PDB file of N, CA and C in Angstrom:
ATOM      1  N   MET A   1      10.728 -10.438  -9.527  1.00  0.00           N
ATOM      2  CA  MET A   1       9.848  -9.076  -9.201  1.00  0.00           C
ATOM      3  C   MET A   1       9.703  -8.569  -7.845  1.00  0.00           C
ATOM      4  N   ILE A   2       9.536  -7.432  -7.901  1.00  0.00           N
ATOM      5  CA  ILE A   2       9.778  -6.805  -6.456  1.00  0.00           C
ATOM      6  C   ILE A   2       8.260  -6.346  -5.884  1.00  0.00           C
ATOM      7  N   ARG A   3       7.135  -7.200  -4.817  1.00  0.00           N
ATOM      8  CA  ARG A   3       6.061  -6.775  -4.503  1.00  0.00           C
ATOM      9  C   ARG A   3       6.282  -5.201  -3.529  1.00  0.00           C
ATOM     10  N   TRP A   4       4.878  -4.819  -3.846  1.00  0.00           N
ATOM     11  CA  TRP A   4       5.670  -3.243  -3.354  1.00  0.00           C
ATOM     12  C   TRP A   4       4.300  -3.218  -2.113  1.00  0.00           C
ATOM     13  N   GLY A   5       4.706  -2.825  -1.187  1.00  0.00           N
ATOM     14  CA  GLY A   5       3.033  -2.251  -0.237  1.00  0.00           C
ATOM     15  C   GLY A   5       3.223  -1.130  -0.318  1.00  0.00           C
ATOM     16  N   LEU A   6       1.643  -0.460  -0.261  1.00  0.00           N
ATOM     17  CA  LEU A   6       1.885   1.181   0.047  1.00  0.00           C
ATOM     18  C   LEU A   6       1.090   1.458   1.478  1.00  0.00           C
ATOM     19  N   LEU A   7       1.322   1.848   2.060  1.00  0.00           N
ATOM     20  CA  LEU A   7       1.384   2.589   3.342  1.00  0.00           C
ATOM     21  C   LEU A   7       0.773   3.901   3.642  1.00  0.00           C
ATOM     22  N   SER A   8      -0.826   3.103   3.458  1.00  0.00           N
ATOM     23  CA  SER A   8      -2.049   4.506   3.717  1.00  0.00           C
ATOM     24  C   SER A   8      -2.698   4.162   2.239  1.00  0.00           C
ATOM     25  N   PRO A   9      -3.744   4.691   2.728  1.00  0.00           N
ATOM     26  CA  PRO A   9      -4.580   4.431   1.396  1.00  0.00           C
ATOM     27  C   PRO A   9      -5.493   6.088   0.911  1.00  0.00           C
ATOM     28  N   ALA A  10      -4.228   7.236   1.231  1.00  0.00           N
ATOM     29  CA  ALA A  10      -4.975   8.476   1.120  1.00  0.00           C
ATOM     30  C   ALA A  10      -5.105   8.563  -0.658  1.00  0.00           C
ATOM     31  N   ARG A  11      -5.400   9.649  -0.643  1.00  0.00           N
ATOM     32  CA  ARG A  11      -4.914  10.048  -2.222  1.00  0.00           C
ATOM     33  C   ARG A  11      -4.255  10.159  -2.643  1.00  0.00           C
ATOM     34  N   ILE A  12      -2.791  10.521  -2.462  1.00  0.00           N
ATOM     35  CA  ILE A  12      -1.750  10.230  -2.833  1.00  0.00           C
ATOM     36  C   ILE A  12      -1.385   8.938  -3.666  1.00  0.00           C
ATOM     37  N   GLY A  13      -1.508   8.185  -2.889  1.00  0.00           N
ATOM     38  CA  GLY A  13      -1.698   6.544  -2.931  1.00  0.00           C
ATOM     39  C   GLY A  13      -2.329   6.246  -4.648  1.00  0.00           C
ATOM     40  N   GLU A  14      -3.623   7.132  -4.801  1.00  0.00           N
ATOM     41  CA  GLU A  14      -3.927   6.615  -6.034  1.00  0.00           C
ATOM     42  C   GLU A  14      -3.468   6.898  -7.520  1.00  0.00           C
ATOM     43  N   VAL A  15      -2.370   8.629  -7.202  1.00  0.00           N
ATOM     44  CA  VAL A  15      -1.310   8.614  -8.241  1.00  0.00           C
ATOM     45  C   VAL A  15      -0.376   7.601  -8.132  1.00  0.00           C
ATOM     46  N   VAL A  16       0.286   7.552  -6.843  1.00  0.00           N
ATOM     47  CA  VAL A  16       1.121   6.617  -7.197  1.00  0.00           C
ATOM     48  C   VAL A  16       0.912   5.367  -7.731  1.00  0.00           C
ATOM     49  N   LEU A  17      -0.482   4.581  -7.556  1.00  0.00           N
ATOM     50  CA  LEU A  17      -0.536   3.374  -7.887  1.00  0.00           C
ATOM     51  C   LEU A  17      -1.061   3.582  -9.781  1.00  0.00           C
ATOM     52  N   ALA A  18      -1.486   4.987  -9.873  1.00  0.00           N
ATOM     53  CA  ALA A  18      -1.772   4.968 -11.432  1.00  0.00           C
ATOM     54  C   ALA A  18      -0.480   5.086 -12.128  1.00  0.00           C
ATOM     55  N   GLY A  19       0.483   6.048 -11.717  1.00  0.00           N
ATOM     56  CA  GLY A  19       1.775   6.168 -12.152  1.00  0.00           C
ATOM     57  C   GLY A  19       2.841   4.925 -12.400  1.00  0.00           C
ATOM     58  N   ALA A  20       2.429   3.923 -11.030  1.00  0.00           N
ATOM     59  CA  ALA A  20       3.417   2.935 -11.522  1.00  0.00           C
ATOM     60  C   ALA A  20       2.845   2.085 -12.253  1.00  0.00           C
ATOM     61  N   ALA A  21       1.498   1.727 -12.056  1.00  0.00           N
ATOM     62  CA  ALA A  21       1.078   0.478 -12.604  1.00  0.00           C
ATOM     63  C   ALA A  21       1.647   0.678 -14.576  1.00  0.00           C
ATOM     64  N   SER A  22       1.582   2.328 -14.773  1.00  0.00           N
ATOM     65  CA  SER A  22       1.937   2.000 -16.288  1.00  0.00           C
ATOM     66  C   SER A  22       3.153   2.227 -16.616  1.00  0.00           C
ATOM     67  N   ARG A  23       3.982   2.369 -15.275  1.00  0.00           N
ATOM     68  CA  ARG A  23       5.820   2.117 -15.996  1.00  0.00           C
ATOM     69  C   ARG A  23       6.327   0.901 -15.266  1.00  0.00           C
ATOM     70  N   ALA A  24       5.623   0.312 -14.228  1.00  0.00           N
ATOM     71  CA  ALA A  24       6.458  -1.322 -13.907  1.00  0.00           C
ATOM     72  C   ALA A  24       6.522  -1.845 -14.509  1.00  0.00           C
ATOM     73  N   ARG A  25       8.116  -2.673 -14.554  1.00  0.00           N
ATOM     74  CA  ARG A  25       8.674  -3.582 -15.389  1.00  0.00           C
ATOM     75  C   ARG A  25       9.061  -4.905 -14.482  1.00  0.00           C
ATOM     76  N   SER A  26       9.298  -4.026 -13.070  1.00  0.00           N
ATOM     77  CA  SER A  26      10.062  -5.061 -12.172  1.00  0.00           C
ATOM     78  C   SER A  26       9.863  -5.361 -11.183  1.00  0.00           C
ATOM     79  N   GLY A  27       8.234  -4.941 -10.721  1.00  0.00           N
ATOM     80  CA  GLY A  27       7.741  -4.792  -9.756  1.00  0.00           C
ATOM     81  C   GLY A  27       5.798  -4.800  -9.653  1.00  0.00           C
ATOM     82  N   ALA A  28       5.371  -4.746  -8.669  1.00  0.00           N
ATOM     83  CA  ALA A  28       3.702  -4.221  -8.507  1.00  0.00           C
ATOM     84  C   ALA A  28       3.368  -4.303  -7.283  1.00  0.00           C
ATOM     85  N   PHE A  29       2.804  -3.289  -7.016  1.00  0.00           N
ATOM     86  CA  PHE A  29       1.939  -3.278  -5.409  1.00  0.00           C
ATOM     87  C   PHE A  29       0.916  -4.219  -5.595  1.00  0.00           C
ATOM     88  N   VAL A  30       1.131  -4.704  -4.193  1.00  0.00           N
ATOM     89  CA  VAL A  30       0.159  -6.224  -4.093  1.00  0.00           C
ATOM     90  C   VAL A  30      -0.601  -6.279  -2.939  1.00  0.00           C
ATOM     91  N   ALA A  31      -0.304  -5.091  -2.088  1.00  0.00           N
ATOM     92  CA  ALA A  31      -0.733  -4.730  -0.562  1.00  0.00           C
ATOM     93  C   ALA A  31      -1.213  -3.078  -0.342  1.00  0.00           C
ATOM     94  N   VAL A  32      -1.757  -2.831   0.836  1.00  0.00           N
ATOM     95  CA  VAL A  32      -2.152  -1.646   1.102  1.00  0.00           C
ATOM     96  C   VAL A  32      -2.392  -1.931   2.614  1.00  0.00           C
ATOM     97  N   ALA A  33      -1.937  -0.675   3.018  1.00  0.00           N
ATOM     98  CA  ALA A  33      -2.017  -0.467   4.962  1.00  0.00           C
ATOM     99  C   ALA A  33      -3.250   0.555   5.003  1.00  0.00           C
ATOM    100  N   SER A  34      -4.015   0.162   6.250  1.00  0.00           N
ATOM    101  CA  SER A  34      -3.890   1.674   7.328  1.00  0.00           C
ATOM    102  C   SER A  34      -4.104   1.647   8.071  1.00  0.00           C
ATOM    103  N   ARG A  35      -4.009   2.239   9.044  1.00  0.00           N
ATOM    104  CA  ARG A  35      -4.803   2.653  10.689  1.00  0.00           C
ATOM    105  C   ARG A  35      -6.131   2.020  10.569  1.00  0.00           C
ATOM    106  N   ASP A  36      -6.888   2.254   9.942  1.00  0.00           N
ATOM    107  CA  ASP A  36      -8.685   1.742   9.812  1.00  0.00           C
ATOM    108  C   ASP A  36      -8.648   0.835   8.663  1.00  0.00           C
ATOM    109  N   ALA A  37      -9.091  -0.239   9.318  1.00  0.00           N
ATOM    110  CA  ALA A  37      -8.897  -1.835   8.409  1.00  0.00           C
ATOM    111  C   ALA A  37     -10.256  -1.505   6.948  1.00  0.00           C
ATOM    112  N   GLY A  38     -11.053  -0.870   7.725  1.00  0.00           N
ATOM    113  CA  GLY A  38     -12.792  -0.480   6.304  1.00  0.00           C
ATOM    114  C   GLY A  38     -11.978   0.287   5.446  1.00  0.00           C
ATOM    115  N   ARG A  39     -11.042   1.414   5.483  1.00  0.00           N
ATOM    116  CA  ARG A  39     -10.203   1.699   4.588  1.00  0.00           C
ATOM    117  C   ARG A  39      -9.388   1.394   3.815  1.00  0.00           C
ATOM    118  N   ALA A  40      -8.490   0.105   4.511  1.00  0.00           N
ATOM    119  CA  ALA A  40      -7.715  -0.653   3.872  1.00  0.00           C
ATOM    120  C   ALA A  40      -8.376  -1.339   2.834  1.00  0.00           C
ATOM    121  N   GLU A  41      -9.472  -1.850   3.373  1.00  0.00           N
ATOM    122  CA  GLU A  41     -10.262  -2.916   2.687  1.00  0.00           C
ATOM    123  C   GLU A  41     -11.220  -2.366   1.566  1.00  0.00           C
ATOM    124  N   ALA A  42     -11.623  -1.530   1.416  1.00  0.00           N
ATOM    125  CA  ALA A  42     -11.786  -0.201   0.438  1.00  0.00           C
ATOM    126  C   ALA A  42     -10.775  -0.390  -0.543  1.00  0.00           C
ATOM    127  N   PHE A  43      -9.967   0.390  -0.307  1.00  0.00           N
ATOM    128  CA  PHE A  43      -8.758   0.739  -0.967  1.00  0.00           C
ATOM    129  C   PHE A  43      -8.278  -0.007  -2.178  1.00  0.00           C
ATOM    130  N   ALA A  44      -8.388  -1.443  -1.313  1.00  0.00           N
ATOM    131  CA  ALA A  44      -7.706  -3.134  -1.738  1.00  0.00           C
ATOM    132  C   ALA A  44      -8.668  -3.164  -2.670  1.00  0.00           C
ATOM    133  N   ALA A  45      -9.928  -3.314  -2.751  1.00  0.00           N
ATOM    134  CA  ALA A  45     -10.743  -3.573  -3.245  1.00  0.00           C
ATOM    135  C   ALA A  45     -10.823  -3.232  -4.632  1.00  0.00           C
ATOM    136  N   ARG A  46     -10.646  -1.785  -4.523  1.00  0.00           N
ATOM    137  CA  ARG A  46     -10.660  -0.745  -5.933  1.00  0.00           C
ATOM    138  C   ARG A  46      -9.307  -0.969  -6.731  1.00  0.00           C
ATOM    139  N   HIS A  47      -8.121  -1.654  -5.838  1.00  0.00           N
ATOM    140  CA  HIS A  47      -7.360  -1.633  -6.425  1.00  0.00           C
ATOM    141  C   HIS A  47      -6.592  -3.685  -6.678  1.00  0.00           C
ATOM    142  N   ASP A  48      -7.243  -4.160  -6.561  1.00  0.00           N
ATOM    143  CA  ASP A  48      -6.900  -5.828  -6.610  1.00  0.00           C
ATOM    144  C   ASP A  48      -5.668  -6.122  -5.716  1.00  0.00           C
ATOM    145  N   LEU A  49      -5.974  -5.327  -4.492  1.00  0.00           N
ATOM    146  CA  LEU A  49      -4.727  -5.284  -3.660  1.00  0.00           C
ATOM    147  C   LEU A  49      -4.868  -6.618  -1.851  1.00  0.00           C
ATOM    148  N   GLN A  50      -3.960  -6.370  -1.279  1.00  0.00           N
ATOM    149  CA  GLN A  50      -4.087  -7.217  -0.044  1.00  0.00           C
ATOM    150  C   GLN A  50      -4.651  -6.655   1.096  1.00  0.00           C
ATOM    151  N   PRO A  51      -5.300  -6.102   1.676  1.00  0.00           N
ATOM    152  CA  PRO A  51      -5.321  -4.972   2.535  1.00  0.00           C
ATOM    153  C   PRO A  51      -4.398  -6.008   4.211  1.00  0.00           C
ATOM    154  N   PHE A  52      -4.229  -4.228   4.537  1.00  0.00           N
ATOM    155  CA  PHE A  52      -3.600  -4.519   6.006  1.00  0.00           C
ATOM    156  C   PHE A  52      -4.346  -3.886   6.755  1.00  0.00           C
ATOM    157  N   GLY A  53      -4.936  -4.205   8.370  1.00  0.00           N
ATOM    158  CA  GLY A  53      -5.534  -3.469   8.926  1.00  0.00           C
ATOM    159  C   GLY A  53      -4.839  -2.219   9.871  1.00  0.00           C
ATOM    160  N   SER A  54      -3.718  -2.310  10.024  1.00  0.00           N
ATOM    161  CA  SER A  54      -2.582  -1.975  10.536  1.00  0.00           C
ATOM    162  C   SER A  54      -1.301  -1.608   9.455  1.00  0.00           C
ATOM    163  N   TYR A  55      -0.379  -0.422  10.381  1.00  0.00           N
ATOM    164  CA  TYR A  55       1.045  -0.154   9.677  1.00  0.00           C
ATOM    165  C   TYR A  55       1.644  -1.425  10.026  1.00  0.00           C
ATOM    166  N   GLU A  56       1.604  -1.546  11.090  1.00  0.00           N
ATOM    167  CA  GLU A  56       2.911  -3.053  11.803  1.00  0.00           C
ATOM    168  C   GLU A  56       2.810  -4.111  11.025  1.00  0.00           C
ATOM    169  N   ALA A  57       1.432  -4.486  10.652  1.00  0.00           N
ATOM    170  CA  ALA A  57       0.808  -5.509  10.228  1.00  0.00           C
ATOM    171  C   ALA A  57       1.623  -6.055   8.762  1.00  0.00           C
ATOM    172  N   LEU A  58       1.057  -4.713   7.666  1.00  0.00           N
ATOM    173  CA  LEU A  58       2.045  -4.811   6.648  1.00  0.00           C
ATOM    174  C   LEU A  58       3.780  -4.530   6.926  1.00  0.00           C
ATOM    175  N   LEU A  59       4.349  -3.916   7.803  1.00  0.00           N
ATOM    176  CA  LEU A  59       5.307  -3.995   8.085  1.00  0.00           C
ATOM    177  C   LEU A  59       6.233  -5.574   7.918  1.00  0.00           C
ATOM    178  N   GLU A  60       5.153  -5.977   8.904  1.00  0.00           N
ATOM    179  CA  GLU A  60       5.887  -7.526   9.217  1.00  0.00           C
ATOM    180  C   GLU A  60       5.426  -8.253   8.445  1.00  0.00           C
ATOM    181  N   SER A  61       4.575  -8.443   7.428  1.00  0.00           N
ATOM    182  CA  SER A  61       4.272  -9.235   6.479  1.00  0.00           C
ATOM    183  C   SER A  61       5.685  -9.769   5.521  1.00  0.00           C
ATOM    184  N   ASP A  62       5.117 -11.187   5.354  1.00  0.00           N
ATOM    185  CA  ASP A  62       6.242 -11.642   3.864  1.00  0.00           C
ATOM    186  C   ASP A  62       5.845 -10.849   2.840  1.00  0.00           C
ATOM    187  N   ALA A  63       5.145 -11.002   2.603  1.00  0.00           N
ATOM    188  CA  ALA A  63       3.975 -10.705   1.288  1.00  0.00           C
ATOM    189  C   ALA A  63       4.224  -9.285   0.235  1.00  0.00           C
ATOM    190  N   VAL A  64       5.250  -8.838   0.999  1.00  0.00           N
ATOM    191  CA  VAL A  64       6.022  -7.642   0.778  1.00  0.00           C
ATOM    192  C   VAL A  64       7.188  -7.627   0.809  1.00  0.00           C
ATOM    193  N   ASP A  65       8.268  -7.101  -0.434  1.00  0.00           N
ATOM    194  CA  ASP A  65       9.822  -6.847  -0.357  1.00  0.00           C
ATOM    195  C   ASP A  65      10.070  -5.172   0.219  1.00  0.00           C
ATOM    196  N   ALA A  66       8.974  -4.241   0.082  1.00  0.00           N
ATOM    197  CA  ALA A  66       9.379  -2.995  -0.162  1.00  0.00           C
ATOM    198  C   ALA A  66       8.173  -2.418  -0.053  1.00  0.00           C
ATOM    199  N   ILE A  67       8.010  -1.270   0.487  1.00  0.00           N
ATOM    200  CA  ILE A  67       6.993  -0.411   0.791  1.00  0.00           C
ATOM    201  C   ILE A  67       7.173   1.374   0.473  1.00  0.00           C
ATOM    202  N   TYR A  68       5.785   1.770  -0.367  1.00  0.00           N
ATOM    203  CA  TYR A  68       6.021   3.211  -0.819  1.00  0.00           C
ATOM    204  C   TYR A  68       5.076   3.685   0.369  1.00  0.00           C
ATOM    205  N   VAL A  69       6.057   4.810   1.650  1.00  0.00           N
ATOM    206  CA  VAL A  69       5.084   5.605   2.152  1.00  0.00           C
ATOM    207  C   VAL A  69       4.286   6.654   1.405  1.00  0.00           C
ATOM    208  N   ALA A  70       2.679   6.174   1.799  1.00  0.00           N
ATOM    209  CA  ALA A  70       1.835   7.488   0.990  1.00  0.00           C
ATOM    210  C   ALA A  70       1.300   8.599   2.529  1.00  0.00           C
ATOM    211  N   LEU A  71       2.368   9.049   3.228  1.00  0.00           N
ATOM    212  CA  LEU A  71       1.600   9.826   4.176  1.00  0.00           C
ATOM    213  C   LEU A  71       1.932  11.175   4.329  1.00  0.00           C
ATOM    214  N   LEU A  72       1.389  11.902   4.503  1.00  0.00           N
ATOM    215  CA  LEU A  72       1.318  13.312   4.495  1.00  0.00           C
ATOM    216  C   LEU A  72       2.127  13.823   5.842  1.00  0.00           C
ATOM    217  N   GLU A  73       2.137  12.586   6.891  1.00  0.00           N
ATOM    218  CA  GLU A  73       2.580  13.325   7.980  1.00  0.00           C
ATOM    219  C   GLU A  73       3.099  11.964   8.441  1.00  0.00           C
ATOM    220  N   PRO A  74       3.480  12.450   9.679  1.00  0.00           N
ATOM    221  CA  PRO A  74       4.276  11.117   9.797  1.00  0.00           C
ATOM    222  C   PRO A  74       3.927   9.794  10.936  1.00  0.00           C
ATOM    223  N   VAL A  75       4.235   9.220  11.082  1.00  0.00           N
ATOM    224  CA  VAL A  75       3.272   7.796  11.354  1.00  0.00           C
ATOM    225  C   VAL A  75       3.625   8.051  12.663  1.00  0.00           C
ATOM    226  N   PRO A  76       2.120   8.480  14.063  1.00  0.00           N
ATOM    227  CA  PRO A  76       2.431   8.300  15.347  1.00  0.00           C
ATOM    228  C   PRO A  76       3.342   7.262  15.984  1.00  0.00           C
ATOM    229  N   ALA A  77       4.054   7.083  17.208  1.00  0.00           N
ATOM    230  CA  ALA A  77       4.757   6.053  17.879  1.00  0.00           C
ATOM    231  C   ALA A  77       3.695   5.578  18.865  1.00  0.00           C
TER     232      ALA A  77
END
């Protein structure tokens, strides 16, 4: 099973999760990251995900195998 992480709790993430949850056979979303830890925690609580308070923390984590980037703007360097 592929463990997906969602980069950003933006509204598009809600759409991605709803579509993926109904179609996924070999993977599942398990985590979400945000630049704002509170937003990550709120989104994670609504969707039973592990929250990460920074993008870097999720990218460095062993909790996920793949990342879905749900950002409309580039991540600041």
